[in-house]
Amino acid sequence: MPMGQAVASEPVTTPGVWDELTAMGAVRSFNTDEHLIRWQDGDPGGLLAIVDGLCKVCVSTAEGREVLVAVRGVGEIVGELSVLTGSVPSASVVALTPVRAAMIERAAFDHWLDTTEGAGRRLSTMLAARIVENTRLQVGTHQRVDVRLADRILYLSDRFMVPGKRAPKTIEVPLTHDDYAAWVGATRAVATRALGALRDRGHIDFGRGWIDVCDRAGLEQFVLET
């Protein structure tokens, strides 16, 4: 898939079925920076359905650093691959904001899949969208850092935008410059310079915990033509 064309990870259910799913588990609260799932802890025994808040999915490098690979929000589930395959988690999930999530045990989730009409199809659609999402992010690994960052910003704006005070689209996802750097495989200094260059072009503005997409068409053109 060409860079600049966003693909959102589909929520796993329609609203009514989502309520049924989350009702199967006890809702837990997590503070900012707290782990919902930690890959070192082994089998978590279930998955989490995000009721409120944002979290990031990270993998660990050989040096022990956690590298961001995805952002998940309300209406999405995390930890589903471990439940479906019976394997230990391959990634950690960390709260970006205060998060509330329903912990659903494997047996309950299996029963829900077996007995809820359309649940399997919805889950398959979500997993397929995540494969496309990951493929898209990998396609741009040969691109310059500013192009990769621009593509990530387009991705975030299509999934987490809110009406902006300063621009038509505001992304309120509290990622740090370190997060962005790890996401595009760059150092913090290089990622910060790239963000500044995108701001100088008039494509974005940014501050602590937010990014405004000031020129969506220009940002898309920059990604597609660079």
C-alpha atoms as a PDB file:
ATOM      1  CA  MET A   1       0.000   0.000   0.000  1.00  0.00           C
ATOM      2  CA  PRO A   2       1.356   3.453  -0.895  1.00  0.00           C
ATOM      3  CA  MET A   3       2.572   5.613   1.927  1.00  0.00           C
ATOM      4  CA  GLY A   4       0.151   8.408   2.721  1.00  0.00           C
ATOM      5  CA  GLN A   5      -2.933   6.211   2.376  1.00  0.00           C
ATOM      6  CA  ALA A   6      -4.106   5.552   5.898  1.00  0.00           C
ATOM      7  CA  VAL A   7      -5.641   2.305   7.063  1.00  0.00           C
ATOM      8  CA  ALA A   8      -7.251   2.365  10.475  1.00  0.00           C
ATOM      9  CA  SER A   9      -7.334  -0.756  12.579  1.00  0.00           C
ATOM     10  CA  GLU A  10     -11.003  -1.728  12.706  1.00  0.00           C
ATOM     11  CA  PRO A  11     -12.729  -1.922  16.086  1.00  0.00           C
ATOM     12  CA  VAL A  12     -13.531  -5.545  16.752  1.00  0.00           C
ATOM     13  CA  THR A  13     -17.299  -5.147  17.187  1.00  0.00           C
ATOM     14  CA  THR A  14     -20.386  -3.081  16.636  1.00  0.00           C
ATOM     15  CA  PRO A  15     -21.453  -1.045  19.703  1.00  0.00           C
ATOM     16  CA  GLY A  16     -24.000  -3.583  20.982  1.00  0.00           C
ATOM     17  CA  VAL A  17     -21.653  -6.531  20.658  1.00  0.00           C
ATOM     18  CA  TRP A  18     -18.814  -4.485  22.146  1.00  0.00           C
ATOM     19  CA  ASP A  19     -20.924  -3.934  25.274  1.00  0.00           C
ATOM     20  CA  GLU A  20     -21.531  -7.684  25.445  1.00  0.00           C
ATOM     21  CA  LEU A  21     -17.807  -8.396  25.078  1.00  0.00           C
ATOM     22  CA  THR A  22     -16.628  -5.921  27.721  1.00  0.00           C
ATOM     23  CA  ALA A  23     -19.313  -7.104  30.144  1.00  0.00           C
ATOM     24  CA  MET A  24     -17.570 -10.496  30.248  1.00  0.00           C
ATOM     25  CA  GLY A  25     -14.522  -9.083  32.008  1.00  0.00           C
ATOM     26  CA  ALA A  26     -13.724  -7.016  35.060  1.00  0.00           C
ATOM     27  CA  VAL A  27     -12.720  -3.441  34.187  1.00  0.00           C
ATOM     28  CA  ARG A  28      -9.297  -2.444  35.476  1.00  0.00           C
ATOM     29  CA  SER A  29      -7.750   1.019  35.629  1.00  0.00           C
ATOM     30  CA  PHE A  30      -4.172   1.748  34.576  1.00  0.00           C
ATOM     31  CA  ASN A  31      -2.153   4.896  35.193  1.00  0.00           C
ATOM     32  CA  THR A  32      -0.149   6.663  32.499  1.00  0.00           C
ATOM     33  CA  ASP A  33       3.076   4.712  31.742  1.00  0.00           C
ATOM     34  CA  GLU A  34       1.746   1.596  33.479  1.00  0.00           C
ATOM     35  CA  HIS A  35       1.976  -1.705  31.613  1.00  0.00           C
ATOM     36  CA  LEU A  36      -1.311  -3.345  30.632  1.00  0.00           C
ATOM     37  CA  ILE A  37       0.659  -6.285  29.241  1.00  0.00           C
ATOM     38  CA  ARG A  38       4.351  -6.958  29.752  1.00  0.00           C
ATOM     39  CA  TRP A  39       5.893  -9.527  27.450  1.00  0.00           C
ATOM     40  CA  GLN A  40       8.376 -10.650  30.111  1.00  0.00           C
ATOM     41  CA  ASP A  41       5.512 -11.679  32.396  1.00  0.00           C
ATOM     42  CA  GLY A  42       4.588 -14.649  30.211  1.00  0.00           C
ATOM     43  CA  ASP A  43       1.037 -15.742  29.450  1.00  0.00           C
ATOM     44  CA  PRO A  44      -1.412 -13.039  30.669  1.00  0.00           C
ATOM     45  CA  GLY A  45      -4.309 -15.533  30.516  1.00  0.00           C
ATOM     46  CA  GLY A  46      -6.590 -13.251  28.545  1.00  0.00           C
ATOM     47  CA  LEU A  47      -6.940 -10.110  26.489  1.00  0.00           C
ATOM     48  CA  LEU A  48      -7.870  -6.518  27.226  1.00  0.00           C
ATOM     49  CA  ALA A  49     -10.695  -4.531  25.634  1.00  0.00           C
ATOM     50  CA  ILE A  50      -9.980  -0.807  25.854  1.00  0.00           C
ATOM     51  CA  VAL A  51     -12.944   1.083  27.300  1.00  0.00           C
ATOM     52  CA  ASP A  52     -11.267   4.460  27.772  1.00  0.00           C
ATOM     53  CA  GLY A  53      -7.848   5.971  27.036  1.00  0.00           C
ATOM     54  CA  LEU A  54      -4.918   5.344  24.714  1.00  0.00           C
ATOM     55  CA  CYS A  55      -2.037   2.905  24.864  1.00  0.00           C
ATOM     56  CA  LYS A  56       1.015   2.052  22.802  1.00  0.00           C
ATOM     57  CA  VAL A  57       2.199  -1.367  21.688  1.00  0.00           C
ATOM     58  CA  CYS A  58       5.966  -1.841  22.002  1.00  0.00           C
ATOM     59  CA  VAL A  59       8.486  -4.546  21.191  1.00  0.00           C
ATOM     60  CA  SER A  60      11.800  -4.906  22.947  1.00  0.00           C
ATOM     61  CA  THR A  61      15.106  -4.637  21.114  1.00  0.00           C
ATOM     62  CA  ALA A  62      18.181  -6.729  21.823  1.00  0.00           C
ATOM     63  CA  GLU A  63      19.491  -3.748  23.825  1.00  0.00           C
ATOM     64  CA  GLY A  64      16.394  -3.799  26.038  1.00  0.00           C
ATOM     65  CA  ARG A  65      14.732  -0.654  24.610  1.00  0.00           C
ATOM     66  CA  GLU A  66      10.970  -0.621  24.042  1.00  0.00           C
ATOM     67  CA  VAL A  67      10.184   0.481  20.472  1.00  0.00           C
ATOM     68  CA  LEU A  68       6.709   1.716  19.594  1.00  0.00           C
ATOM     69  CA  VAL A  69       4.957  -0.216  16.821  1.00  0.00           C
ATOM     70  CA  ALA A  70       1.296   0.829  17.178  1.00  0.00           C
ATOM     71  CA  VAL A  71      -1.183   2.996  19.062  1.00  0.00           C
ATOM     72  CA  ARG A  72      -4.495   1.552  20.239  1.00  0.00           C
ATOM     73  CA  GLY A  73      -7.604   3.258  21.583  1.00  0.00           C
ATOM     74  CA  VAL A  74     -11.237   2.876  22.619  1.00  0.00           C
ATOM     75  CA  GLY A  75     -13.061   0.018  20.932  1.00  0.00           C
ATOM     76  CA  GLU A  76      -9.933  -2.028  20.270  1.00  0.00           C
ATOM     77  CA  ILE A  77      -8.521  -5.128  21.886  1.00  0.00           C
ATOM     78  CA  VAL A  78      -4.913  -5.969  22.759  1.00  0.00           C
ATOM     79  CA  GLY A  79      -3.337  -9.293  23.591  1.00  0.00           C
ATOM     80  CA  GLU A  80      -5.621 -11.172  21.208  1.00  0.00           C
ATOM     81  CA  LEU A  81      -2.807 -13.030  19.416  1.00  0.00           C
ATOM     82  CA  SER A  82      -1.623 -14.639  22.641  1.00  0.00           C
ATOM     83  CA  VAL A  83      -5.162 -15.756  23.371  1.00  0.00           C
ATOM     84  CA  LEU A  84      -5.756 -17.106  19.855  1.00  0.00           C
ATOM     85  CA  THR A  85      -2.425 -18.930  19.602  1.00  0.00           C
ATOM     86  CA  GLY A  86      -1.862 -19.867  23.240  1.00  0.00           C
ATOM     87  CA  SER A  87       1.589 -18.283  23.119  1.00  0.00           C
ATOM     88  CA  VAL A  88       3.260 -15.798  25.440  1.00  0.00           C
ATOM     89  CA  PRO A  89       2.945 -12.110  24.475  1.00  0.00           C
ATOM     90  CA  SER A  90       5.435 -10.936  21.861  1.00  0.00           C
ATOM     91  CA  ALA A  91       4.916  -7.257  22.731  1.00  0.00           C
ATOM     92  CA  SER A  92       4.190  -5.011  25.690  1.00  0.00           C
ATOM     93  CA  VAL A  93       1.246  -2.621  25.963  1.00  0.00           C
ATOM     94  CA  VAL A  94       1.802   0.621  27.887  1.00  0.00           C
ATOM     95  CA  ALA A  95      -0.755   3.275  28.851  1.00  0.00           C
ATOM     96  CA  LEU A  96      -0.222   6.635  27.101  1.00  0.00           C
ATOM     97  CA  THR A  97      -3.051   8.154  29.148  1.00  0.00           C
ATOM     98  CA  PRO A  98      -5.078   6.833  32.053  1.00  0.00           C
ATOM     99  CA  VAL A  99      -6.719   3.698  30.639  1.00  0.00           C
ATOM    100  CA  ARG A 100      -9.715   1.608  31.613  1.00  0.00           C
ATOM    101  CA  ALA A 101      -9.847  -1.852  30.060  1.00  0.00           C
ATOM    102  CA  ALA A 102     -11.873  -5.009  30.555  1.00  0.00           C
ATOM    103  CA  MET A 103      -9.763  -8.110  31.203  1.00  0.00           C
ATOM    104  CA  ILE A 104     -11.402 -11.012  29.386  1.00  0.00           C
ATOM    105  CA  GLU A 105     -10.218 -14.530  30.137  1.00  0.00           C
ATOM    106  CA  ARG A 106      -9.318 -16.872  27.290  1.00  0.00           C
ATOM    107  CA  ALA A 107     -12.197 -19.281  27.943  1.00  0.00           C
ATOM    108  CA  ALA A 108     -14.751 -16.452  27.950  1.00  0.00           C
ATOM    109  CA  PHE A 109     -13.360 -15.017  24.726  1.00  0.00           C
ATOM    110  CA  ASP A 110     -13.413 -18.422  23.030  1.00  0.00           C
ATOM    111  CA  HIS A 111     -17.048 -18.873  24.091  1.00  0.00           C
ATOM    112  CA  TRP A 112     -17.920 -15.412  22.757  1.00  0.00           C
ATOM    113  CA  LEU A 113     -16.347 -16.217  19.390  1.00  0.00           C
ATOM    114  CA  ASP A 114     -18.208 -19.517  19.196  1.00  0.00           C
ATOM    115  CA  THR A 115     -21.633 -18.205  20.171  1.00  0.00           C
ATOM    116  CA  THR A 116     -21.857 -14.581  18.936  1.00  0.00           C
ATOM    117  CA  GLU A 117     -23.095 -14.148  15.386  1.00  0.00           C
ATOM    118  CA  GLY A 118     -20.578 -12.264  13.245  1.00  0.00           C
ATOM    119  CA  ALA A 119     -17.890 -12.153  15.968  1.00  0.00           C
ATOM    120  CA  GLY A 120     -15.442 -14.252  13.976  1.00  0.00           C
ATOM    121  CA  ARG A 121     -15.856 -12.117  10.886  1.00  0.00           C
ATOM    122  CA  ARG A 122     -15.340  -8.906  12.869  1.00  0.00           C
ATOM    123  CA  LEU A 123     -12.219 -10.325  14.492  1.00  0.00           C
ATOM    124  CA  SER A 124     -10.880 -11.456  11.098  1.00  0.00           C
ATOM    125  CA  THR A 125     -11.498  -7.990   9.659  1.00  0.00           C
ATOM    126  CA  MET A 126      -9.617  -6.362  12.534  1.00  0.00           C
ATOM    127  CA  LEU A 127      -6.672  -8.738  12.241  1.00  0.00           C
ATOM    128  CA  ALA A 128      -6.514  -8.238   8.469  1.00  0.00           C
ATOM    129  CA  ALA A 129      -6.532  -4.459   8.926  1.00  0.00           C
ATOM    130  CA  ARG A 130      -3.647  -4.757  11.382  1.00  0.00           C
ATOM    131  CA  ILE A 131      -1.652  -6.819   8.891  1.00  0.00           C
ATOM    132  CA  VAL A 132      -2.223  -4.162   6.228  1.00  0.00           C
ATOM    133  CA  GLU A 133      -1.301  -1.470   8.758  1.00  0.00           C
ATOM    134  CA  ASN A 134       1.968  -3.177   9.647  1.00  0.00           C
ATOM    135  CA  THR A 135       2.783  -3.790   5.990  1.00  0.00           C
ATOM    136  CA  ARG A 136       2.217  -0.141   5.195  1.00  0.00           C
ATOM    137  CA  LEU A 137       4.538   1.005   7.950  1.00  0.00           C
ATOM    138  CA  GLN A 138       7.238  -1.419   6.811  1.00  0.00           C
ATOM    139  CA  VAL A 139       7.013  -0.323   3.167  1.00  0.00           C
ATOM    140  CA  GLY A 140       8.443   3.089   4.004  1.00  0.00           C
ATOM    141  CA  THR A 141      11.548   1.911   5.851  1.00  0.00           C
ATOM    142  CA  HIS A 142      13.746   3.012   2.917  1.00  0.00           C
ATOM    143  CA  GLN A 143      12.304   6.545   2.933  1.00  0.00           C
ATOM    144  CA  ARG A 144      13.854   9.587   4.611  1.00  0.00           C
ATOM    145  CA  VAL A 145      12.995  10.168   8.248  1.00  0.00           C
ATOM    146  CA  ASP A 146      10.845  13.243   7.530  1.00  0.00           C
ATOM    147  CA  VAL A 147       8.787  11.244   5.008  1.00  0.00           C
ATOM    148  CA  ARG A 148       8.288   8.374   7.460  1.00  0.00           C
ATOM    149  CA  LEU A 149       7.265  10.804  10.169  1.00  0.00           C
ATOM    150  CA  ALA A 150       4.811  12.528   7.845  1.00  0.00           C
ATOM    151  CA  ASP A 151       3.249   9.158   7.067  1.00  0.00           C
ATOM    152  CA  ARG A 152       2.919   8.303  10.772  1.00  0.00           C
ATOM    153  CA  ILE A 153       1.232  11.662  11.363  1.00  0.00           C
ATOM    154  CA  LEU A 154      -1.272  10.973   8.577  1.00  0.00           C
ATOM    155  CA  TYR A 155      -1.914   7.566  10.131  1.00  0.00           C
ATOM    156  CA  LEU A 156      -2.543   9.090  13.560  1.00  0.00           C
ATOM    157  CA  SER A 157      -4.736  11.882  12.178  1.00  0.00           C
ATOM    158  CA  ASP A 158      -7.061   9.384  10.510  1.00  0.00           C
ATOM    159  CA  ARG A 159      -7.444   7.379  13.696  1.00  0.00           C
ATOM    160  CA  PHE A 160      -7.258   9.836  16.588  1.00  0.00           C
ATOM    161  CA  MET A 161      -8.061  13.325  15.324  1.00  0.00           C
ATOM    162  CA  VAL A 162     -10.268  15.718  17.287  1.00  0.00           C
ATOM    163  CA  PRO A 163     -11.587  19.164  16.284  1.00  0.00           C
ATOM    164  CA  GLY A 164      -8.618  21.506  16.573  1.00  0.00           C
ATOM    165  CA  LYS A 165      -8.417  25.015  17.983  1.00  0.00           C
ATOM    166  CA  ARG A 166      -5.432  25.902  15.829  1.00  0.00           C
ATOM    167  CA  ALA A 167      -6.035  23.732  12.749  1.00  0.00           C
ATOM    168  CA  PRO A 168      -8.760  21.554  11.201  1.00  0.00           C
ATOM    169  CA  LYS A 169      -7.238  18.387  12.600  1.00  0.00           C
ATOM    170  CA  THR A 170      -5.594  17.980  15.978  1.00  0.00           C
ATOM    171  CA  ILE A 171      -3.976  14.732  17.090  1.00  0.00           C
ATOM    172  CA  GLU A 172      -4.074  14.434  20.864  1.00  0.00           C
ATOM    173  CA  VAL A 173      -1.854  11.394  21.317  1.00  0.00           C
ATOM    174  CA  PRO A 174       0.840  12.096  23.933  1.00  0.00           C
ATOM    175  CA  LEU A 175       3.775  10.518  22.140  1.00  0.00           C
ATOM    176  CA  THR A 176       7.215  11.851  22.978  1.00  0.00           C
ATOM    177  CA  HIS A 177       9.959  12.688  20.500  1.00  0.00           C
ATOM    178  CA  ASP A 178      11.645   9.500  21.690  1.00  0.00           C
ATOM    179  CA  ASP A 179       8.509   7.561  20.721  1.00  0.00           C
ATOM    180  CA  TYR A 180       8.429   9.100  17.251  1.00  0.00           C
ATOM    181  CA  ALA A 181      12.148   8.454  16.823  1.00  0.00           C
ATOM    182  CA  ALA A 182      11.781   4.780  17.753  1.00  0.00           C
ATOM    183  CA  TRP A 183       8.719   4.457  15.512  1.00  0.00           C
ATOM    184  CA  VAL A 184      10.664   5.545  12.423  1.00  0.00           C
ATOM    185  CA  GLY A 185      14.032   4.054  13.337  1.00  0.00           C
ATOM    186  CA  ALA A 186      15.901   7.308  13.984  1.00  0.00           C
ATOM    187  CA  THR A 187      17.622   9.071  16.846  1.00  0.00           C
ATOM    188  CA  ARG A 188      15.694  11.580  18.910  1.00  0.00           C
ATOM    189  CA  ALA A 189      17.716  14.482  17.510  1.00  0.00           C
ATOM    190  CA  VAL A 190      17.048  13.459  13.906  1.00  0.00           C
ATOM    191  CA  ALA A 191      13.319  12.953  14.575  1.00  0.00           C
ATOM    192  CA  THR A 192      13.065  16.349  16.276  1.00  0.00           C
ATOM    193  CA  ARG A 193      14.735  18.041  13.301  1.00  0.00           C
ATOM    194  CA  ALA A 194      12.381  16.236  10.933  1.00  0.00           C
ATOM    195  CA  LEU A 195       9.321  17.383  12.887  1.00  0.00           C
ATOM    196  CA  GLY A 196      10.683  20.932  12.785  1.00  0.00           C
ATOM    197  CA  ALA A 197      11.181  20.684   9.020  1.00  0.00           C
ATOM    198  CA  LEU A 198       7.561  19.578   8.546  1.00  0.00           C
ATOM    199  CA  ARG A 199       6.448  22.541  10.648  1.00  0.00           C
ATOM    200  CA  ASP A 200       8.619  24.909   8.613  1.00  0.00           C
ATOM    201  CA  ARG A 201       6.898  23.635   5.459  1.00  0.00           C
ATOM    202  CA  GLY A 202       3.554  24.601   6.989  1.00  0.00           C
ATOM    203  CA  HIS A 203       2.281  21.031   7.017  1.00  0.00           C
ATOM    204  CA  ILE A 204       2.015  20.663  10.809  1.00  0.00           C
ATOM    205  CA  ASP A 205       2.368  22.432  14.113  1.00  0.00           C
ATOM    206  CA  PHE A 206       3.091  20.641  17.361  1.00  0.00           C
ATOM    207  CA  GLY A 207       3.573  20.967  21.075  1.00  0.00           C
ATOM    208  CA  ARG A 208       3.653  18.738  24.119  1.00  0.00           C
ATOM    209  CA  GLY A 209       1.097  15.966  23.561  1.00  0.00           C
ATOM    210  CA  TRP A 210      -0.458  17.284  20.352  1.00  0.00           C
ATOM    211  CA  ILE A 211       0.115  17.727  16.630  1.00  0.00           C
ATOM    212  CA  ASP A 212      -1.992  19.874  14.323  1.00  0.00           C
ATOM    213  CA  VAL A 213      -2.304  18.888  10.673  1.00  0.00           C
ATOM    214  CA  CYS A 214      -2.362  22.355   9.122  1.00  0.00           C
ATOM    215  CA  ASP A 215      -2.111  21.277   5.463  1.00  0.00           C
ATOM    216  CA  ARG A 216      -3.406  17.764   4.953  1.00  0.00           C
ATOM    217  CA  ALA A 217      -3.197  17.875   1.165  1.00  0.00           C
ATOM    218  CA  GLY A 218       0.341  19.208   1.279  1.00  0.00           C
ATOM    219  CA  LEU A 219       1.404  16.545   3.768  1.00  0.00           C
ATOM    220  CA  GLU A 220      -0.066  13.773   1.615  1.00  0.00           C
ATOM    221  CA  GLN A 221       1.638  15.148  -1.489  1.00  0.00           C
ATOM    222  CA  PHE A 222       4.948  15.381   0.355  1.00  0.00           C
ATOM    223  CA  VAL A 223       4.709  11.700   1.350  1.00  0.00           C
ATOM    224  CA  LEU A 224       3.642  10.449  -2.059  1.00  0.00           C
ATOM    225  CA  GLU A 225       6.116  12.445  -4.124  1.00  0.00           C
ATOM    226  CA  THR A 226       9.262  12.410  -1.988  1.00  0.00           C
END
